[in-house]
Amino acid sequence: MDPKMVALYRAATPQQKLAAVDQLNRTLQSLKSAELEANRPDLSAEQRRAELRRWWLSARD
C-alpha cells in the first residue's frame, strides 16, 4: 500500500474513516447493480434489488 495513503488513513478521524467505508460500500453496490442490469436484463428493478441484497448479505462474488 502506498505510504501516503497509509499516512492519510492513520490521520483520519473515526468519522472520516466511516465516511470512506460508506462511500466504498455504495460504489461497490452500484457496480454490482450495474453488473446485474447488464447480465440479467430480464430482472425487474425490484428483482435486481432483491438479488443485490442477497449478494450483499452472502458476502460472495
C-alpha atoms as a PDB file:
ATOM      1  CA  MET A   1       0.000   0.000   0.000  1.00  0.00           C
ATOM      2  CA  ASP A   2       1.185   3.497  -0.794  1.00  0.00           C
ATOM      3  CA  PRO A   3       2.825   5.075   2.300  1.00  0.00           C
ATOM      4  CA  LYS A   4       0.996   8.355   1.611  1.00  0.00           C
ATOM      5  CA  MET A   5      -2.362   6.556   1.690  1.00  0.00           C
ATOM      6  CA  VAL A   6      -1.402   4.828   4.951  1.00  0.00           C
ATOM      7  CA  ALA A   7      -0.482   8.184   6.472  1.00  0.00           C
ATOM      8  CA  LEU A   8      -3.772   9.736   5.347  1.00  0.00           C
ATOM      9  CA  TYR A   9      -5.746   6.829   6.790  1.00  0.00           C
ATOM     10  CA  ARG A  10      -3.909   6.973  10.104  1.00  0.00           C
ATOM     11  CA  ALA A  11      -4.535  10.713  10.340  1.00  0.00           C
ATOM     12  CA  ALA A  12      -8.250  10.393   9.559  1.00  0.00           C
ATOM     13  CA  THR A  13     -10.815  10.745  12.294  1.00  0.00           C
ATOM     14  CA  PRO A  14     -13.165   7.846  13.017  1.00  0.00           C
ATOM     15  CA  GLN A  15     -15.949   9.783  11.279  1.00  0.00           C
ATOM     16  CA  GLN A  16     -13.786  10.226   8.175  1.00  0.00           C
ATOM     17  CA  LYS A  17     -12.949   6.524   8.152  1.00  0.00           C
ATOM     18  CA  LEU A  18     -16.623   5.591   8.410  1.00  0.00           C
ATOM     19  CA  ALA A  19     -17.471   8.004   5.611  1.00  0.00           C
ATOM     20  CA  ALA A  20     -14.791   6.416   3.407  1.00  0.00           C
ATOM     21  CA  VAL A  21     -16.118   2.910   4.102  1.00  0.00           C
ATOM     22  CA  ASP A  22     -19.667   4.080   3.420  1.00  0.00           C
ATOM     23  CA  GLN A  23     -18.617   5.551   0.070  1.00  0.00           C
ATOM     24  CA  LEU A  24     -16.735   2.375  -0.874  1.00  0.00           C
ATOM     25  CA  ASN A  25     -19.796   0.273   0.006  1.00  0.00           C
ATOM     26  CA  ARG A  26     -22.066   2.489  -2.083  1.00  0.00           C
ATOM     27  CA  THR A  27     -19.663   2.276  -5.020  1.00  0.00           C
ATOM     28  CA  LEU A  28     -19.454  -1.498  -4.721  1.00  0.00           C
ATOM     29  CA  GLN A  29     -23.253  -1.838  -4.600  1.00  0.00           C
ATOM     30  CA  SER A  30     -23.614   0.464  -7.597  1.00  0.00           C
ATOM     31  CA  LEU A  31     -21.123  -1.583  -9.609  1.00  0.00           C
ATOM     32  CA  LYS A  32     -22.829  -4.850  -8.671  1.00  0.00           C
ATOM     33  CA  SER A  33     -26.217  -3.391  -9.577  1.00  0.00           C
ATOM     34  CA  ALA A  34     -24.859  -2.332 -12.982  1.00  0.00           C
ATOM     35  CA  GLU A  35     -23.440  -5.828 -13.480  1.00  0.00           C
ATOM     36  CA  LEU A  36     -26.814  -7.380 -12.670  1.00  0.00           C
ATOM     37  CA  GLU A  37     -28.560  -4.990 -15.046  1.00  0.00           C
ATOM     38  CA  ALA A  38     -26.122  -5.827 -17.850  1.00  0.00           C
ATOM     39  CA  ASN A  39     -26.077  -9.593 -17.296  1.00  0.00           C
ATOM     40  CA  ARG A  40     -29.713 -10.083 -16.301  1.00  0.00           C
ATOM     41  CA  PRO A  41     -31.809  -7.594 -18.286  1.00  0.00           C
ATOM     42  CA  ASP A  42     -34.837  -9.818 -17.641  1.00  0.00           C
ATOM     43  CA  LEU A  43     -34.934  -8.805 -13.957  1.00  0.00           C
ATOM     44  CA  SER A  44     -37.293  -6.081 -12.829  1.00  0.00           C
ATOM     45  CA  ALA A  45     -35.913  -3.280 -10.663  1.00  0.00           C
ATOM     46  CA  GLU A  46     -37.345  -4.974  -7.557  1.00  0.00           C
ATOM     47  CA  GLN A  47     -35.852  -8.339  -8.511  1.00  0.00           C
ATOM     48  CA  ARG A  48     -32.497  -6.667  -9.111  1.00  0.00           C
ATOM     49  CA  ARG A  49     -32.664  -5.042  -5.660  1.00  0.00           C
ATOM     50  CA  ALA A  50     -33.508  -8.436  -4.137  1.00  0.00           C
ATOM     51  CA  GLU A  51     -30.538 -10.034  -5.914  1.00  0.00           C
ATOM     52  CA  LEU A  52     -28.305  -7.215  -4.731  1.00  0.00           C
ATOM     53  CA  ARG A  53     -29.485  -7.685  -1.126  1.00  0.00           C
ATOM     54  CA  ARG A  54     -28.934 -11.441  -1.388  1.00  0.00           C
ATOM     55  CA  TRP A  55     -25.443 -10.907  -2.799  1.00  0.00           C
ATOM     56  CA  TRP A  56     -24.566  -8.275  -0.180  1.00  0.00           C
ATOM     57  CA  LEU A  57     -25.701 -10.414   2.742  1.00  0.00           C
ATOM     58  CA  SER A  58     -23.960 -13.555   1.463  1.00  0.00           C
ATOM     59  CA  ALA A  59     -20.589 -11.742   1.081  1.00  0.00           C
ATOM     60  CA  ARG A  60     -19.576 -13.668  -2.018  1.00  0.00           C
ATOM     61  CA  ASP A  61     -18.914 -12.832  -5.682  1.00  0.00           C
END
